[in-house]
Amino acid sequence: MERLRSSPLHANISTALDKHLDVIHVVQSRRKDEIVNASNRQRQGAPRCQDDRDVFALALAIKEMSVATRKARTILWCALQMTLPK
């Protein structure tokens, strides 16, 4: 869109997209933690009820990703509207 406009977009657009990417990395990290901890507990024979902390952390990260995704979609739509010819 910057190339189509021949000028840079507003700085908030880049910031929102960077935040969206950061939140995606957090979700990936939480998911990896959940998998590792679940496999370690399974080897040790620990009860499943301790999995809740990992699941809650993952759920919170997914919730934050959902909010960031909605914001990113809105910002990209606004950027497109600014890019289209009038």
C-alpha atoms as a PDB file:
ATOM      1  CA  MET A   1       0.000   0.000   0.000  1.00  0.00           C
ATOM      2  CA  GLU A   2       2.918   2.328   0.651  1.00  0.00           C
ATOM      3  CA  ARG A   3       4.164   1.694  -2.866  1.00  0.00           C
ATOM      4  CA  LEU A   4       0.738   2.377  -4.332  1.00  0.00           C
ATOM      5  CA  ARG A   5       0.476   5.648  -2.417  1.00  0.00           C
ATOM      6  CA  SER A   6       4.099   6.592  -3.092  1.00  0.00           C
ATOM      7  CA  SER A   7       4.310   7.757   0.508  1.00  0.00           C
ATOM      8  CA  PRO A   8       4.634   6.079   3.885  1.00  0.00           C
ATOM      9  CA  LEU A   9       1.561   5.161   5.887  1.00  0.00           C
ATOM     10  CA  HIS A  10       0.865   6.536   9.341  1.00  0.00           C
ATOM     11  CA  ALA A  11       3.206   5.265  12.072  1.00  0.00           C
ATOM     12  CA  ASN A  12       0.295   3.764  14.040  1.00  0.00           C
ATOM     13  CA  ILE A  13      -0.258   1.266  11.242  1.00  0.00           C
ATOM     14  CA  SER A  14       3.244  -0.118  11.554  1.00  0.00           C
ATOM     15  CA  THR A  15       2.974  -0.139  15.334  1.00  0.00           C
ATOM     16  CA  ALA A  16      -0.269  -2.126  15.279  1.00  0.00           C
ATOM     17  CA  LEU A  17       1.150  -4.661  12.830  1.00  0.00           C
ATOM     18  CA  ASP A  18       4.287  -5.058  14.956  1.00  0.00           C
ATOM     19  CA  LYS A  19       2.130  -5.608  18.053  1.00  0.00           C
ATOM     20  CA  HIS A  20       0.103  -8.195  16.167  1.00  0.00           C
ATOM     21  CA  LEU A  21       3.277 -10.062  15.250  1.00  0.00           C
ATOM     22  CA  ASP A  22       4.530  -9.884  18.845  1.00  0.00           C
ATOM     23  CA  VAL A  23       1.259 -11.321  20.143  1.00  0.00           C
ATOM     24  CA  ILE A  24       1.493 -14.174  17.634  1.00  0.00           C
ATOM     25  CA  HIS A  25       4.960 -14.995  18.966  1.00  0.00           C
ATOM     26  CA  VAL A  26       3.597 -14.992  22.527  1.00  0.00           C
ATOM     27  CA  VAL A  27       0.863 -17.468  21.551  1.00  0.00           C
ATOM     28  CA  GLN A  28       3.449 -19.703  19.896  1.00  0.00           C
ATOM     29  CA  SER A  29       5.613 -19.567  23.004  1.00  0.00           C
ATOM     30  CA  ARG A  30       2.689 -20.384  25.327  1.00  0.00           C
ATOM     31  CA  ARG A  31       1.716 -23.315  23.121  1.00  0.00           C
ATOM     32  CA  LYS A  32       5.267 -24.672  23.164  1.00  0.00           C
ATOM     33  CA  ASP A  33       5.358 -24.325  26.959  1.00  0.00           C
ATOM     34  CA  GLU A  34       2.072 -26.184  27.239  1.00  0.00           C
ATOM     35  CA  ILE A  35       3.308 -29.037  25.060  1.00  0.00           C
ATOM     36  CA  VAL A  36       6.632 -29.361  26.890  1.00  0.00           C
ATOM     37  CA  ASN A  37       5.073 -29.230  30.342  1.00  0.00           C
ATOM     38  CA  ALA A  38       2.333 -31.704  29.397  1.00  0.00           C
ATOM     39  CA  SER A  39       4.860 -34.206  28.060  1.00  0.00           C
ATOM     40  CA  ASN A  40       7.058 -33.796  31.165  1.00  0.00           C
ATOM     41  CA  ARG A  41       4.093 -34.365  33.476  1.00  0.00           C
ATOM     42  CA  GLN A  42       3.013 -37.400  31.491  1.00  0.00           C
ATOM     43  CA  ARG A  43       6.462 -38.953  31.910  1.00  0.00           C
ATOM     44  CA  GLN A  44       6.435 -38.250  35.632  1.00  0.00           C
ATOM     45  CA  GLY A  45       2.872 -39.481  36.117  1.00  0.00           C
ATOM     46  CA  ALA A  46       1.712 -36.190  37.661  1.00  0.00           C
ATOM     47  CA  PRO A  47      -2.022 -35.455  37.866  1.00  0.00           C
ATOM     48  CA  ARG A  48      -3.614 -33.589  34.963  1.00  0.00           C
ATOM     49  CA  CYS A  49      -5.094 -30.822  37.117  1.00  0.00           C
ATOM     50  CA  GLN A  50      -1.755 -28.976  37.092  1.00  0.00           C
ATOM     51  CA  ASP A  51      -2.142 -28.426  33.343  1.00  0.00           C
ATOM     52  CA  ASP A  52      -4.586 -25.609  34.114  1.00  0.00           C
ATOM     53  CA  ARG A  53      -1.932 -22.891  34.478  1.00  0.00           C
ATOM     54  CA  ASP A  54      -0.533 -23.589  31.024  1.00  0.00           C
ATOM     55  CA  VAL A  55      -3.992 -23.733  29.484  1.00  0.00           C
ATOM     56  CA  PHE A  56      -5.042 -20.477  31.149  1.00  0.00           C
ATOM     57  CA  ALA A  57      -1.867 -18.728  29.972  1.00  0.00           C
ATOM     58  CA  LEU A  58      -2.493 -19.981  26.444  1.00  0.00           C
ATOM     59  CA  ALA A  59      -6.144 -18.906  26.582  1.00  0.00           C
ATOM     60  CA  LEU A  60      -5.163 -15.420  27.721  1.00  0.00           C
ATOM     61  CA  ALA A  61      -2.582 -15.159  24.937  1.00  0.00           C
ATOM     62  CA  ILE A  62      -5.179 -16.256  22.368  1.00  0.00           C
ATOM     63  CA  LYS A  63      -7.604 -13.661  23.714  1.00  0.00           C
ATOM     64  CA  GLU A  64      -4.953 -10.950  23.306  1.00  0.00           C
ATOM     65  CA  MET A  65      -4.205 -12.219  19.814  1.00  0.00           C
ATOM     66  CA  SER A  66      -7.887 -11.993  18.930  1.00  0.00           C
ATOM     67  CA  VAL A  67      -8.006  -8.342  20.006  1.00  0.00           C
ATOM     68  CA  ALA A  68      -4.768  -7.535  18.160  1.00  0.00           C
ATOM     69  CA  THR A  69      -6.051  -9.288  15.031  1.00  0.00           C
ATOM     70  CA  ARG A  70      -9.249  -7.234  15.018  1.00  0.00           C
ATOM     71  CA  LYS A  71      -7.226  -4.038  15.397  1.00  0.00           C
ATOM     72  CA  ALA A  72      -4.834  -5.076  12.629  1.00  0.00           C
ATOM     73  CA  ARG A  73      -7.699  -5.855  10.270  1.00  0.00           C
ATOM     74  CA  THR A  74      -9.305  -2.489  10.987  1.00  0.00           C
ATOM     75  CA  ILE A  75      -6.054  -0.627  10.488  1.00  0.00           C
ATOM     76  CA  LEU A  76      -5.339  -2.449   7.233  1.00  0.00           C
ATOM     77  CA  TRP A  77      -8.834  -1.609   6.005  1.00  0.00           C
ATOM     78  CA  CYS A  78      -8.237   2.074   6.837  1.00  0.00           C
ATOM     79  CA  ALA A  79      -4.877   1.965   5.075  1.00  0.00           C
ATOM     80  CA  LEU A  80      -6.566   0.485   2.022  1.00  0.00           C
ATOM     81  CA  GLN A  81      -9.189   3.214   2.039  1.00  0.00           C
ATOM     82  CA  MET A  82      -6.435   5.837   2.156  1.00  0.00           C
ATOM     83  CA  THR A  83      -4.641   4.072  -0.711  1.00  0.00           C
ATOM     84  CA  LEU A  84      -7.577   3.785  -3.108  1.00  0.00           C
ATOM     85  CA  PRO A  85      -8.008   6.620  -5.601  1.00  0.00           C
ATOM     86  CA  LYS A  86     -10.814   9.047  -4.870  1.00  0.00           C
END
